[in-house]
Amino acid sequence: MPSQENESAPLEGEGRSVAYAEDALKGVEAARERARLRSGLAPEWYGPAVVVTLVLPSVVQAWSQGRGGWAALVALVVSLLGLAAVLALVRAARRAAGVRVTRSLSSRLRRSRIALPAVLAAGLLAGVCCWGFGAGGAATRITAFAVWGLGVWGVCIARNAAISRALRELA
């Protein structure tokens, strides 16, 4: 009966092949992690575009108050265009990052479980403060949407900084 040791011990050439395969697998995993991180980066233009997209419909709505039927129609159209612009910005940001598969809503909410409530609370607090100090409804809405837009921008900056740090650590 042949010895069991010879069957279980890899040959010298096989040992090198296993080591090369392990190194290649580590390289693939590192590349996969870098791609995952890069897909989370928001483009530089995304933050300011969100601020403008959130504030502009409120400004147009404030302008349209008391001006008649055509101004209300313009405000409605600008509001709908603002909603479409937000959706287009999200899609453009994903394309710029090279994301082909979108995350589920629950996954996105888990990722934003701290930032989203903080931004919403800041906007609501700003709106309540404006209302409490006697500002009109239009000024209150503009302030709340401006704070929300700036909050989204701040979250994008913070997330990009964290992702950039992680990418540097992988390199």
N, C-alpha and C. Protein backbone atom coordinates (compact mmCIF):
# COMPACT_ATOMS: atom_id res chain seq x y z
N MET A 1 0.85 -1.17 0.00
CA MET A 1 0.00 0.00 0.00
C MET A 1 0.90 1.23 0.00
N PRO A 2 0.66 2.17 -0.89
CA PRO A 2 1.50 3.36 -0.98
C PRO A 2 1.29 4.28 0.22
N SER A 3 2.30 5.09 0.49
CA SER A 3 2.27 6.01 1.62
C SER A 3 1.26 7.13 1.38
N GLN A 4 0.51 7.50 2.41
CA GLN A 4 -0.48 8.59 2.34
C GLN A 4 0.20 9.95 2.24
N GLU A 5 1.41 10.09 2.80
CA GLU A 5 2.11 11.37 2.80
C GLU A 5 2.36 11.86 1.40
N ASN A 6 2.78 11.00 0.50
CA ASN A 6 3.10 11.41 -0.85
C ASN A 6 1.88 11.91 -1.62
N GLU A 7 0.71 11.34 -1.32
CA GLU A 7 -0.49 11.75 -2.03
C GLU A 7 -0.99 13.12 -1.55
N SER A 8 -0.87 13.41 -0.27
CA SER A 8 -1.41 14.66 0.25
C SER A 8 -0.46 15.83 0.09
N ALA A 9 0.83 15.60 -0.01
CA ALA A 9 1.79 16.69 -0.15
C ALA A 9 1.82 17.16 -1.60
N PRO A 10 1.64 18.47 -1.84
CA PRO A 10 1.69 18.95 -3.22
C PRO A 10 3.11 18.91 -3.77
N LEU A 11 3.18 18.72 -5.02
CA LEU A 11 4.48 18.77 -5.68
C LEU A 11 4.97 20.20 -5.65
N GLU A 12 6.26 20.38 -5.85
CA GLU A 12 6.85 21.72 -5.77
C GLU A 12 6.20 22.67 -6.77
N GLY A 13 5.96 22.24 -7.98
CA GLY A 13 5.32 23.08 -9.01
C GLY A 13 3.88 23.41 -8.68
N GLU A 14 3.19 22.45 -8.07
CA GLU A 14 1.80 22.69 -7.68
C GLU A 14 1.73 23.73 -6.57
N GLY A 15 2.67 23.73 -5.67
CA GLY A 15 2.70 24.71 -4.57
C GLY A 15 2.81 26.12 -5.09
N ARG A 16 3.66 26.29 -6.12
CA ARG A 16 3.78 27.62 -6.72
C ARG A 16 2.50 28.01 -7.43
N SER A 17 1.87 27.08 -8.08
CA SER A 17 0.61 27.37 -8.78
C SER A 17 -0.47 27.79 -7.80
N VAL A 18 -0.52 27.12 -6.66
CA VAL A 18 -1.49 27.48 -5.62
C VAL A 18 -1.21 28.89 -5.11
N ALA A 19 0.07 29.21 -4.90
CA ALA A 19 0.43 30.54 -4.42
C ALA A 19 0.05 31.61 -5.44
N TYR A 20 0.31 31.34 -6.73
CA TYR A 20 -0.07 32.29 -7.79
C TYR A 20 -1.58 32.45 -7.83
N ALA A 21 -2.30 31.35 -7.68
CA ALA A 21 -3.76 31.42 -7.70
C ALA A 21 -4.29 32.23 -6.52
N GLU A 22 -3.68 32.03 -5.35
CA GLU A 22 -4.10 32.80 -4.17
C GLU A 22 -3.83 34.29 -4.37
N ASP A 23 -2.65 34.63 -4.92
CA ASP A 23 -2.33 36.03 -5.19
C ASP A 23 -3.30 36.63 -6.20
N ALA A 24 -3.62 35.88 -7.23
CA ALA A 24 -4.55 36.36 -8.25
C ALA A 24 -5.93 36.58 -7.64
N LEU A 25 -6.36 35.68 -6.77
CA LEU A 25 -7.66 35.81 -6.12
C LEU A 25 -7.69 37.03 -5.21
N LYS A 26 -6.61 37.28 -4.49
CA LYS A 26 -6.52 38.47 -3.65
C LYS A 26 -6.58 39.73 -4.51
N GLY A 27 -5.92 39.71 -5.66
CA GLY A 27 -5.97 40.85 -6.56
C GLY A 27 -7.37 41.09 -7.10
N VAL A 28 -8.07 40.03 -7.41
CA VAL A 28 -9.45 40.15 -7.91
C VAL A 28 -10.35 40.72 -6.82
N GLU A 29 -10.19 40.24 -5.59
CA GLU A 29 -11.00 40.73 -4.48
C GLU A 29 -10.71 42.21 -4.21
N ALA A 30 -9.44 42.61 -4.29
CA ALA A 30 -9.08 44.02 -4.08
C ALA A 30 -9.68 44.88 -5.19
N ALA A 31 -9.62 44.40 -6.43
CA ALA A 31 -10.20 45.15 -7.55
C ALA A 31 -11.71 45.26 -7.39
N ARG A 32 -12.33 44.19 -6.94
CA ARG A 32 -13.78 44.21 -6.72
C ARG A 32 -14.15 45.23 -5.64
N GLU A 33 -13.37 45.27 -4.56
CA GLU A 33 -13.63 46.22 -3.47
C GLU A 33 -13.42 47.66 -3.94
N ARG A 34 -12.36 47.89 -4.73
CA ARG A 34 -12.12 49.24 -5.28
C ARG A 34 -13.28 49.65 -6.17
N ALA A 35 -13.77 48.76 -7.01
CA ALA A 35 -14.90 49.08 -7.89
C ALA A 35 -16.16 49.37 -7.08
N ARG A 36 -16.38 48.61 -6.01
CA ARG A 36 -17.55 48.84 -5.16
C ARG A 36 -17.46 50.21 -4.50
N LEU A 37 -16.27 50.55 -4.02
CA LEU A 37 -16.09 51.85 -3.39
C LEU A 37 -16.25 52.99 -4.39
N ARG A 38 -15.64 52.85 -5.56
CA ARG A 38 -15.73 53.90 -6.58
C ARG A 38 -17.17 54.12 -7.02
N SER A 39 -17.98 53.06 -7.03
CA SER A 39 -19.37 53.22 -7.45
C SER A 39 -20.16 54.06 -6.46
N GLY A 40 -19.66 54.21 -5.25
CA GLY A 40 -20.34 55.03 -4.25
C GLY A 40 -19.96 56.49 -4.28
N LEU A 41 -18.93 56.84 -5.05
CA LEU A 41 -18.51 58.24 -5.15
C LEU A 41 -19.56 59.06 -5.89
N ALA A 42 -19.87 60.23 -5.36
CA ALA A 42 -20.78 61.15 -6.04
C ALA A 42 -19.93 62.13 -6.85
N PRO A 43 -20.37 62.47 -8.06
CA PRO A 43 -19.60 63.44 -8.86
C PRO A 43 -19.54 64.81 -8.17
N GLU A 44 -18.54 65.59 -8.49
CA GLU A 44 -18.34 66.91 -7.88
C GLU A 44 -19.55 67.83 -8.08
N TRP A 45 -20.21 67.74 -9.21
CA TRP A 45 -21.31 68.64 -9.54
C TRP A 45 -22.62 68.24 -8.87
N TYR A 46 -22.67 67.07 -8.27
CA TYR A 46 -23.93 66.53 -7.76
C TYR A 46 -24.51 67.38 -6.62
N GLY A 47 -23.69 67.77 -5.66
CA GLY A 47 -24.18 68.54 -4.52
C GLY A 47 -24.79 69.87 -4.91
N PRO A 48 -24.06 70.72 -5.65
CA PRO A 48 -24.67 72.00 -6.04
C PRO A 48 -25.92 71.83 -6.92
N ALA A 49 -25.92 70.81 -7.76
CA ALA A 49 -27.09 70.58 -8.61
C ALA A 49 -28.30 70.21 -7.77
N VAL A 50 -28.09 69.42 -6.71
CA VAL A 50 -29.21 69.06 -5.84
C VAL A 50 -29.75 70.29 -5.12
N VAL A 51 -28.85 71.17 -4.65
CA VAL A 51 -29.30 72.39 -3.97
C VAL A 51 -30.18 73.21 -4.90
N VAL A 52 -29.72 73.45 -6.10
CA VAL A 52 -30.49 74.25 -7.06
C VAL A 52 -31.81 73.56 -7.40
N THR A 53 -31.77 72.26 -7.59
CA THR A 53 -32.96 71.51 -7.97
C THR A 53 -34.00 71.52 -6.86
N LEU A 54 -33.58 71.54 -5.61
CA LEU A 54 -34.53 71.57 -4.50
C LEU A 54 -35.05 72.98 -4.22
N VAL A 55 -34.22 73.99 -4.38
CA VAL A 55 -34.61 75.35 -4.02
C VAL A 55 -35.40 76.04 -5.14
N LEU A 56 -35.04 75.84 -6.38
CA LEU A 56 -35.66 76.57 -7.49
C LEU A 56 -37.18 76.43 -7.54
N PRO A 57 -37.77 75.23 -7.42
CA PRO A 57 -39.24 75.16 -7.44
C PRO A 57 -39.90 75.96 -6.32
N SER A 58 -39.28 76.00 -5.13
CA SER A 58 -39.85 76.79 -4.03
C SER A 58 -39.78 78.28 -4.32
N VAL A 59 -38.68 78.71 -4.94
CA VAL A 59 -38.55 80.12 -5.30
C VAL A 59 -39.60 80.49 -6.35
N VAL A 60 -39.79 79.66 -7.35
CA VAL A 60 -40.79 79.94 -8.40
C VAL A 60 -42.19 79.91 -7.80
N GLN A 61 -42.44 79.00 -6.88
CA GLN A 61 -43.76 78.95 -6.25
C GLN A 61 -44.00 80.22 -5.43
N ALA A 62 -42.99 80.69 -4.71
CA ALA A 62 -43.12 81.94 -3.95
C ALA A 62 -43.37 83.11 -4.88
N TRP A 63 -42.69 83.13 -6.01
CA TRP A 63 -42.88 84.18 -7.00
C TRP A 63 -44.29 84.17 -7.56
N SER A 64 -44.85 82.98 -7.75
CA SER A 64 -46.15 82.86 -8.42
C SER A 64 -47.34 83.22 -7.54
N GLN A 65 -47.16 83.27 -6.24
CA GLN A 65 -48.28 83.56 -5.35
C GLN A 65 -48.83 84.96 -5.60
N GLY A 66 -50.13 85.03 -5.85
CA GLY A 66 -50.81 86.30 -6.06
C GLY A 66 -50.65 86.86 -7.46
N ARG A 67 -50.09 86.14 -8.39
CA ARG A 67 -49.86 86.64 -9.74
C ARG A 67 -50.89 86.15 -10.75
N GLY A 68 -51.74 85.24 -10.38
CA GLY A 68 -52.74 84.80 -11.34
C GLY A 68 -52.53 83.38 -11.81
N GLY A 69 -53.39 82.95 -12.71
CA GLY A 69 -53.43 81.57 -13.17
C GLY A 69 -52.20 81.11 -13.93
N TRP A 70 -51.65 81.95 -14.79
CA TRP A 70 -50.49 81.52 -15.58
C TRP A 70 -49.26 81.32 -14.70
N ALA A 71 -49.11 82.13 -13.65
CA ALA A 71 -47.97 81.96 -12.75
C ALA A 71 -48.08 80.66 -11.96
N ALA A 72 -49.31 80.30 -11.58
CA ALA A 72 -49.52 79.03 -10.87
C ALA A 72 -49.18 77.86 -11.79
N LEU A 73 -49.52 77.99 -13.06
CA LEU A 73 -49.20 76.95 -14.03
C LEU A 73 -47.68 76.82 -14.20
N VAL A 74 -47.00 77.96 -14.28
CA VAL A 74 -45.53 77.96 -14.37
C VAL A 74 -44.92 77.30 -13.14
N ALA A 75 -45.45 77.63 -11.95
CA ALA A 75 -44.94 77.04 -10.71
C ALA A 75 -45.14 75.52 -10.70
N LEU A 76 -46.30 75.06 -11.18
CA LEU A 76 -46.57 73.63 -11.25
C LEU A 76 -45.60 72.94 -12.20
N VAL A 77 -45.40 73.54 -13.37
CA VAL A 77 -44.48 72.96 -14.35
C VAL A 77 -43.05 72.91 -13.80
N VAL A 78 -42.61 73.99 -13.16
CA VAL A 78 -41.26 74.02 -12.59
C VAL A 78 -41.13 72.98 -11.48
N SER A 79 -42.16 72.79 -10.68
CA SER A 79 -42.12 71.78 -9.62
C SER A 79 -42.00 70.38 -10.21
N LEU A 80 -42.76 70.09 -11.25
CA LEU A 80 -42.67 68.79 -11.91
C LEU A 80 -41.31 68.60 -12.57
N LEU A 81 -40.81 69.67 -13.19
CA LEU A 81 -39.47 69.59 -13.78
C LEU A 81 -38.40 69.38 -12.70
N GLY A 82 -38.60 69.99 -11.53
CA GLY A 82 -37.67 69.79 -10.42
C GLY A 82 -37.64 68.34 -9.97
N LEU A 83 -38.82 67.71 -9.89
CA LEU A 83 -38.88 66.30 -9.53
C LEU A 83 -38.17 65.45 -10.58
N ALA A 84 -38.44 65.74 -11.84
CA ALA A 84 -37.77 65.00 -12.92
C ALA A 84 -36.26 65.24 -12.89
N ALA A 85 -35.85 66.45 -12.54
CA ALA A 85 -34.42 66.76 -12.47
C ALA A 85 -33.74 65.99 -11.35
N VAL A 86 -34.42 65.82 -10.20
CA VAL A 86 -33.83 65.04 -9.11
C VAL A 86 -33.62 63.59 -9.56
N LEU A 87 -34.62 63.02 -10.22
CA LEU A 87 -34.48 61.65 -10.72
C LEU A 87 -33.36 61.56 -11.77
N ALA A 88 -33.28 62.57 -12.64
CA ALA A 88 -32.22 62.58 -13.65
C ALA A 88 -30.84 62.73 -13.01
N LEU A 89 -30.74 63.53 -11.95
CA LEU A 89 -29.46 63.69 -11.25
C LEU A 89 -28.99 62.38 -10.63
N VAL A 90 -29.93 61.66 -10.02
CA VAL A 90 -29.56 60.37 -9.43
C VAL A 90 -29.07 59.42 -10.51
N ARG A 91 -29.78 59.38 -11.62
CA ARG A 91 -29.38 58.49 -12.72
C ARG A 91 -28.02 58.90 -13.30
N ALA A 92 -27.82 60.21 -13.49
CA ALA A 92 -26.56 60.69 -14.04
C ALA A 92 -25.40 60.41 -13.08
N ALA A 93 -25.64 60.54 -11.78
CA ALA A 93 -24.58 60.25 -10.81
C ALA A 93 -24.22 58.77 -10.85
N ARG A 94 -25.21 57.92 -10.99
CA ARG A 94 -24.93 56.48 -11.08
C ARG A 94 -24.13 56.17 -12.34
N ARG A 95 -24.52 56.77 -13.44
CA ARG A 95 -23.78 56.52 -14.69
C ARG A 95 -22.36 57.03 -14.61
N ALA A 96 -22.17 58.20 -13.99
CA ALA A 96 -20.82 58.76 -13.86
C ALA A 96 -19.95 57.85 -13.01
N ALA A 97 -20.57 57.16 -12.05
CA ALA A 97 -19.82 56.25 -11.19
C ALA A 97 -19.66 54.88 -11.84
N GLY A 98 -20.33 54.65 -12.96
CA GLY A 98 -20.23 53.37 -13.64
C GLY A 98 -21.09 52.29 -13.02
N VAL A 99 -22.11 52.68 -12.26
CA VAL A 99 -22.98 51.71 -11.59
C VAL A 99 -23.98 51.17 -12.60
N ARG A 100 -23.98 49.88 -12.77
CA ARG A 100 -24.90 49.23 -13.70
C ARG A 100 -26.09 48.61 -12.98
N VAL A 101 -25.87 48.16 -11.75
CA VAL A 101 -26.93 47.53 -10.97
C VAL A 101 -27.27 48.47 -9.82
N THR A 102 -28.54 48.80 -9.69
CA THR A 102 -28.95 49.70 -8.62
C THR A 102 -29.18 48.91 -7.34
N ARG A 103 -28.96 49.57 -6.24
CA ARG A 103 -29.21 48.95 -4.94
C ARG A 103 -30.70 49.01 -4.65
N SER A 104 -31.15 48.11 -3.81
CA SER A 104 -32.56 48.11 -3.42
C SER A 104 -32.83 49.32 -2.52
N LEU A 105 -34.11 49.66 -2.40
CA LEU A 105 -34.48 50.79 -1.56
C LEU A 105 -34.07 50.54 -0.11
N SER A 106 -34.26 49.34 0.39
CA SER A 106 -33.89 49.04 1.77
C SER A 106 -32.38 49.17 1.97
N SER A 107 -31.59 48.77 0.96
CA SER A 107 -30.14 48.89 1.05
C SER A 107 -29.72 50.36 1.09
N ARG A 108 -30.36 51.18 0.25
CA ARG A 108 -30.04 52.61 0.24
C ARG A 108 -30.44 53.28 1.54
N LEU A 109 -31.59 52.89 2.09
CA LEU A 109 -32.03 53.48 3.36
C LEU A 109 -31.12 53.05 4.51
N ARG A 110 -30.65 51.80 4.51
CA ARG A 110 -29.71 51.35 5.54
C ARG A 110 -28.41 52.15 5.47
N ARG A 111 -27.96 52.42 4.25
CA ARG A 111 -26.72 53.17 4.06
C ARG A 111 -26.88 54.61 4.56
N SER A 112 -28.10 55.14 4.48
CA SER A 112 -28.36 56.52 4.88
C SER A 112 -29.09 56.61 6.21
N ARG A 113 -28.98 55.60 7.04
CA ARG A 113 -29.78 55.55 8.27
C ARG A 113 -29.44 56.66 9.25
N ILE A 114 -28.29 57.26 9.15
CA ILE A 114 -27.92 58.36 10.04
C ILE A 114 -28.05 59.69 9.31
N ALA A 115 -27.54 59.74 8.08
CA ALA A 115 -27.51 60.99 7.33
C ALA A 115 -28.91 61.48 6.96
N LEU A 116 -29.76 60.59 6.47
CA LEU A 116 -31.09 61.01 6.02
C LEU A 116 -31.92 61.62 7.15
N PRO A 117 -32.05 60.97 8.30
CA PRO A 117 -32.82 61.61 9.38
C PRO A 117 -32.19 62.92 9.86
N ALA A 118 -30.86 62.99 9.87
CA ALA A 118 -30.20 64.23 10.30
C ALA A 118 -30.49 65.38 9.35
N VAL A 119 -30.42 65.11 8.04
CA VAL A 119 -30.70 66.15 7.05
C VAL A 119 -32.17 66.56 7.11
N LEU A 120 -33.06 65.58 7.21
CA LEU A 120 -34.49 65.91 7.31
C LEU A 120 -34.79 66.71 8.56
N ALA A 121 -34.20 66.33 9.69
CA ALA A 121 -34.41 67.06 10.94
C ALA A 121 -33.88 68.49 10.85
N ALA A 122 -32.72 68.66 10.23
CA ALA A 122 -32.15 70.01 10.09
C ALA A 122 -33.07 70.90 9.25
N GLY A 123 -33.59 70.36 8.15
CA GLY A 123 -34.51 71.13 7.30
C GLY A 123 -35.79 71.47 8.04
N LEU A 124 -36.34 70.51 8.76
CA LEU A 124 -37.57 70.78 9.52
C LEU A 124 -37.31 71.80 10.62
N LEU A 125 -36.18 71.68 11.30
CA LEU A 125 -35.84 72.64 12.35
C LEU A 125 -35.69 74.05 11.78
N ALA A 126 -35.03 74.16 10.63
CA ALA A 126 -34.88 75.47 9.99
C ALA A 126 -36.25 76.03 9.60
N GLY A 127 -37.13 75.17 9.07
CA GLY A 127 -38.48 75.63 8.71
C GLY A 127 -39.27 76.06 9.92
N VAL A 128 -39.19 75.31 11.01
CA VAL A 128 -39.91 75.67 12.23
C VAL A 128 -39.37 76.98 12.80
N CYS A 129 -38.06 77.17 12.76
CA CYS A 129 -37.47 78.42 13.24
C CYS A 129 -37.95 79.61 12.41
N CYS A 130 -37.97 79.44 11.08
CA CYS A 130 -38.46 80.52 10.22
C CYS A 130 -39.92 80.83 10.54
N TRP A 131 -40.72 79.79 10.66
CA TRP A 131 -42.13 79.98 10.95
C TRP A 131 -42.30 80.63 12.33
N GLY A 132 -41.49 80.19 13.30
CA GLY A 132 -41.56 80.75 14.65
C GLY A 132 -41.17 82.22 14.71
N PHE A 133 -40.27 82.64 13.85
CA PHE A 133 -39.86 84.04 13.82
C PHE A 133 -40.75 84.89 12.92
N GLY A 134 -41.81 84.29 12.40
CA GLY A 134 -42.79 85.05 11.64
C GLY A 134 -42.55 85.13 10.15
N ALA A 135 -41.67 84.34 9.63
CA ALA A 135 -41.44 84.34 8.18
C ALA A 135 -42.67 83.74 7.49
N GLY A 136 -42.90 84.17 6.28
CA GLY A 136 -44.04 83.66 5.52
C GLY A 136 -43.82 82.21 5.09
N GLY A 137 -44.87 81.63 4.54
CA GLY A 137 -44.81 80.25 4.10
C GLY A 137 -43.78 80.04 3.01
N ALA A 138 -43.67 80.98 2.09
CA ALA A 138 -42.70 80.84 0.99
C ALA A 138 -41.27 80.86 1.52
N ALA A 139 -40.97 81.80 2.42
CA ALA A 139 -39.61 81.88 2.98
C ALA A 139 -39.29 80.64 3.81
N THR A 140 -40.29 80.13 4.50
CA THR A 140 -40.09 78.92 5.30
C THR A 140 -39.77 77.74 4.40
N ARG A 141 -40.54 77.58 3.31
CA ARG A 141 -40.28 76.48 2.38
C ARG A 141 -38.92 76.62 1.72
N ILE A 142 -38.58 77.81 1.27
CA ILE A 142 -37.29 78.03 0.62
C ILE A 142 -36.15 77.69 1.59
N THR A 143 -36.28 78.13 2.84
CA THR A 143 -35.24 77.85 3.84
C THR A 143 -35.11 76.35 4.09
N ALA A 144 -36.24 75.68 4.28
CA ALA A 144 -36.21 74.23 4.55
C ALA A 144 -35.58 73.48 3.38
N PHE A 145 -35.98 73.81 2.15
CA PHE A 145 -35.42 73.12 0.99
C PHE A 145 -33.94 73.46 0.79
N ALA A 146 -33.56 74.70 1.09
CA ALA A 146 -32.15 75.07 0.99
C ALA A 146 -31.31 74.28 2.00
N VAL A 147 -31.82 74.14 3.23
CA VAL A 147 -31.09 73.36 4.24
C VAL A 147 -31.02 71.90 3.81
N TRP A 148 -32.11 71.36 3.28
CA TRP A 148 -32.08 69.97 2.81
C TRP A 148 -31.07 69.80 1.68
N GLY A 149 -31.07 70.74 0.73
CA GLY A 149 -30.10 70.65 -0.37
C GLY A 149 -28.68 70.74 0.11
N LEU A 150 -28.41 71.68 1.02
CA LEU A 150 -27.06 71.81 1.57
C LEU A 150 -26.68 70.59 2.40
N GLY A 151 -27.66 70.00 3.07
CA GLY A 151 -27.41 68.78 3.83
C GLY A 151 -27.03 67.62 2.93
N VAL A 152 -27.74 67.48 1.82
CA VAL A 152 -27.40 66.43 0.86
C VAL A 152 -25.99 66.66 0.32
N TRP A 153 -25.67 67.90 0.02
CA TRP A 153 -24.34 68.23 -0.47
C TRP A 153 -23.29 67.86 0.58
N GLY A 154 -23.54 68.21 1.84
CA GLY A 154 -22.61 67.87 2.92
C GLY A 154 -22.43 66.36 3.08
N VAL A 155 -23.53 65.62 2.96
CA VAL A 155 -23.45 64.16 3.06
C VAL A 155 -22.61 63.61 1.91
N CYS A 156 -22.80 64.16 0.70
CA CYS A 156 -22.01 63.71 -0.45
C CYS A 156 -20.53 63.97 -0.22
N ILE A 157 -20.21 65.14 0.31
CA ILE A 157 -18.80 65.49 0.57
C ILE A 157 -18.21 64.54 1.61
N ALA A 158 -18.96 64.30 2.70
CA ALA A 158 -18.47 63.41 3.75
C ALA A 158 -18.32 61.98 3.24
N ARG A 159 -19.30 61.50 2.49
CA ARG A 159 -19.23 60.13 1.96
C ARG A 159 -18.07 59.99 0.98
N ASN A 160 -17.87 61.00 0.11
CA ASN A 160 -16.75 60.95 -0.84
C ASN A 160 -15.41 60.93 -0.11
N ALA A 161 -15.31 61.71 0.99
CA ALA A 161 -14.06 61.72 1.76
C ALA A 161 -13.80 60.36 2.39
N ALA A 162 -14.82 59.73 2.93
CA ALA A 162 -14.65 58.40 3.54
C ALA A 162 -14.28 57.36 2.49
N ILE A 163 -14.90 57.44 1.33
CA ILE A 163 -14.58 56.50 0.25
C ILE A 163 -13.16 56.72 -0.25
N SER A 164 -12.76 57.98 -0.38
CA SER A 164 -11.39 58.26 -0.83
C SER A 164 -10.36 57.73 0.16
N ARG A 165 -10.64 57.87 1.46
CA ARG A 165 -9.75 57.31 2.49
C ARG A 165 -9.65 55.80 2.35
N ALA A 166 -10.78 55.14 2.17
CA ALA A 166 -10.79 53.68 2.02
C ALA A 166 -10.04 53.25 0.77
N LEU A 167 -10.17 54.01 -0.31
CA LEU A 167 -9.45 53.69 -1.54
C LEU A 167 -7.94 53.85 -1.36
N ARG A 168 -7.53 54.89 -0.62
CA ARG A 168 -6.10 55.06 -0.35
C ARG A 168 -5.56 53.93 0.49
N GLU A 169 -6.35 53.45 1.44
CA GLU A 169 -5.91 52.33 2.28
C GLU A 169 -5.78 51.05 1.49
N LEU A 170 -6.61 50.87 0.47
CA LEU A 170 -6.53 49.67 -0.38
C LEU A 170 -5.31 49.69 -1.29
N ALA A 171 -4.86 50.88 -1.64
CA ALA A 171 -3.74 50.99 -2.59
C ALA A 171 -2.42 50.60 -2.00
